[in-house]
Amino acid sequence: MSVLTTLSSPGSPVPALVPAGGLLPAGPAGAASATTSVAGAPPAHLVALAAGAPSPVDAVPALDAVLRLVLLTALAVVAGAGLVRPFAGAPGRAERTVTGVAAAVAVVAAVAAVARSGGSPYWTAALLVLTAAVPALLTTRRPVTAVLPGAGVAVLLVLALVSARSEPVPSLLDAGYALAGSVLAGAVVHLLTRGTGAASATGTGVAASGRPRIVVVLAVVAGALAAASAVAQVLLTGPFTLVDLVGSGYGRAAVVMVAGPVVALALAARELRPTPATPLSGVARAKARAAVERGRGVAAVGAVGGVAATALLAALPQPAPAAVPGQALLRTLDLGGRTATLVVAPMRPGPNLVQLTGAPGSGNPEDSGNPEHDHAGTAPAAGDAVLVGDRETPVAGRPGAPGGWALVDVPAGTSSLTVRSAGVTRTVPVDVGDPGTPAPAGALGADGPECASAAVGDLLGGGTGAVGSCPSDRLDDADAATLRGTVRALAARGAPGVSIAGDASPRSRAAAGVVRTEAAAARLPVLPAATGDTALVVVSGWQGAVGTLGATNEAAVRAPTALGGTYLAPWLLTTGVLGATQSAIVPLEFGPQEEIPQRYVRSLAQVAPGSSPSRSGYRAWAAASHGPVDAPALYGAAPVSVPMTTDEAAGGGHHGAPDTAGWFPGGAVVRVGSPLDTRP
């Protein structure tokens, strides 16, 4: 795909200069339409925020971004030179020279783009012919005819800019800016190159009437329209915070996009001030003439710079939406050469849990560097910290969870927090709102990482990421039924007894009660500890499960332990927990290798690199994106070196197949039984 490849909705013949994923990509926003057309794909703004990279233009290679900027800026100058002809009349030598140079630059940039990635010969020819026709017609006896190819070049410019948008209103605003910006550039270039001459006798820089004054009025109107379009675009698509406006490349380009036409408008409007009643002296006229010429030069820079900034916006990652109280914040950060993912939840006054992923290492400190257990994502680098005001909280790993974690106090009224990693600091805007509803019990303690994973899953599915409750706050009916079916399966297999490993969370206590009740109904003894041939049923949270599995592994070295199998509650399907056991059985209502769960994994990897998929995250994602849920069945999880027997009739596939997509890197999660009996 190239600079002249068609980019539109399926079946549409409308061409675009800058296709998403092509030579001069329209950036992450341009890729949004292709992404959101797939059910369950992450929302466009999350794709955009995930595109951050440590290059000057972040989302695309520097050469591609430079070619885009040069090409579109030159096209705006050429288009403007043609569009103003009915108002400006014949151009002077200087204006013809500027237009010719701009056309040459546009042609060279277009040829370089085509040479880099190829392109449609028809649209390449159309671009070259229209661009070259404008300066050529300016040298004829009827330069007004240049308005026709100028309009054609303006259409190409509009198509290029709107290719970076997937929504109609932002596209219309970009189209309006392209047209108004081109006219503004053409008007101020005309005024700058024609000089002030005798028209400055009044000190205003323009004649009291006639073509020069009409061109100034045209510049004022075009500048006002361009500025209005730019302001509306920023209000609609961001940046939404002052921190992002001045602290990100996208924000600074947006400032230039707004400021450029505003400056040109203000300087052009100065030339429309009333004529002095008393004629100026020769010295005063000279000073006035010089001031007008300087103003026109600055206006030309503003007009052209505004178009250049607009062209650059699509090559930069768009900042995330503003933080909303009570909704998890998901951001990507450039931390000096590496991209990290930041999650803040529950975004309420008081304690908030902050997750930072993206650094090399393991989510479990004692397993860091161990190839058999380094599955938990990424751990914090030494010295990582989160700062709120003058309070610094170090980032540390949590067993079973990927990345680094910090429990920070964020008072009401706090507008930002700062992340420091490897000597690099980044400021992130936050908004925790006013004191009110307290954070859910599971959002801050040992089960906080699972709660954050569920909030991220909700965001990926198109939800708001609201943290109203956490998975560990209660045992839902579906999980209770799944646990009943698991105990019945144990009884059917002749297990001599079970032991239960839980914790103090409401979900775990309720789950332990369900297991005990069903075991009693099946006349299955419940033992205080896993020994010999008994089965171990783990119903705690992630952190407790890692500790239990580690202790079980150590006990198994000394004596036979839990030979009846280790059974994990459904919510324990996550990389950090699976990596802590040599083998385990997990009852699940989906197959991790199936297409829909893999879609969730891909979305998570795209938007939140370094994060680990989890069953709680998948359920939130599926609920937000209306993903299907199947009847639960038993799945075996083990490293690829450990043989497992699969239920071929149930579609389990071959044993030992590695899970390369992220559920269990270096291991396999395969179906090992028929659907569970979950009847009440």
Foldseek 3Di string as FASTA:
>chain_A
DFQFAAFDPPPDPHTARAADPYLQHLFLQLCQVVQVVDFLFFHSLLLLQLQAFPDPLRNDDPVSLVLLLLQLLLLLQLLQQQQCCVQQPQFDPQSLVSLQVSLVSNLVSLVVRCVVGHHDPVVNVLSNVLSVVLSVLSPDPCNNVNNVSSVVSLVNSLRHLLSSHDDDVLSVLSSQLSVLLSNLLSLLSRLLVVAQPPCLQLLLSHNPDDRNLSSLVSNLVSLVSQLVSLVVNCVVQHPPDPCCLPPFLLNVLSVLLNVLSVLLNVLSVSSVDDGDPDGDDPVSSVVSRVVNSVSSVSNSCSSSSNSSSSSSNSSHRRFHHAADAQAKDWGWDHFPRWIKIWIWPRLAAFKIKIFIATAAFALDVVCTPPPLQRQQFHEADPPKWKAQPNDIWHWGHAFQHFYTMTTDGHHAPGQWMWIDGPRGIDIDGGHNHHDDDDAAPQCHPNNNRQQRLLLVLLSRLVHRSRRPYGPLQAADLQLLLLLLLVLVVLLVVPAQAEEEAEDDGHHRVVSVVSNVVSCVVSVHHYDPFWADQHAYEYRYHSRSLLVVLQVQVVVCVVHNGRNVFYEYRQQNQKASNLSSHQKHKYKAQDACPDDLVLSSLVSCCSSGNRGAHTPSSNVSSCVSSVNDTHFIAIKMKHALVDFDDADVVVVFDHTSDADVSGSHGRMDITTHGDGTDSDD
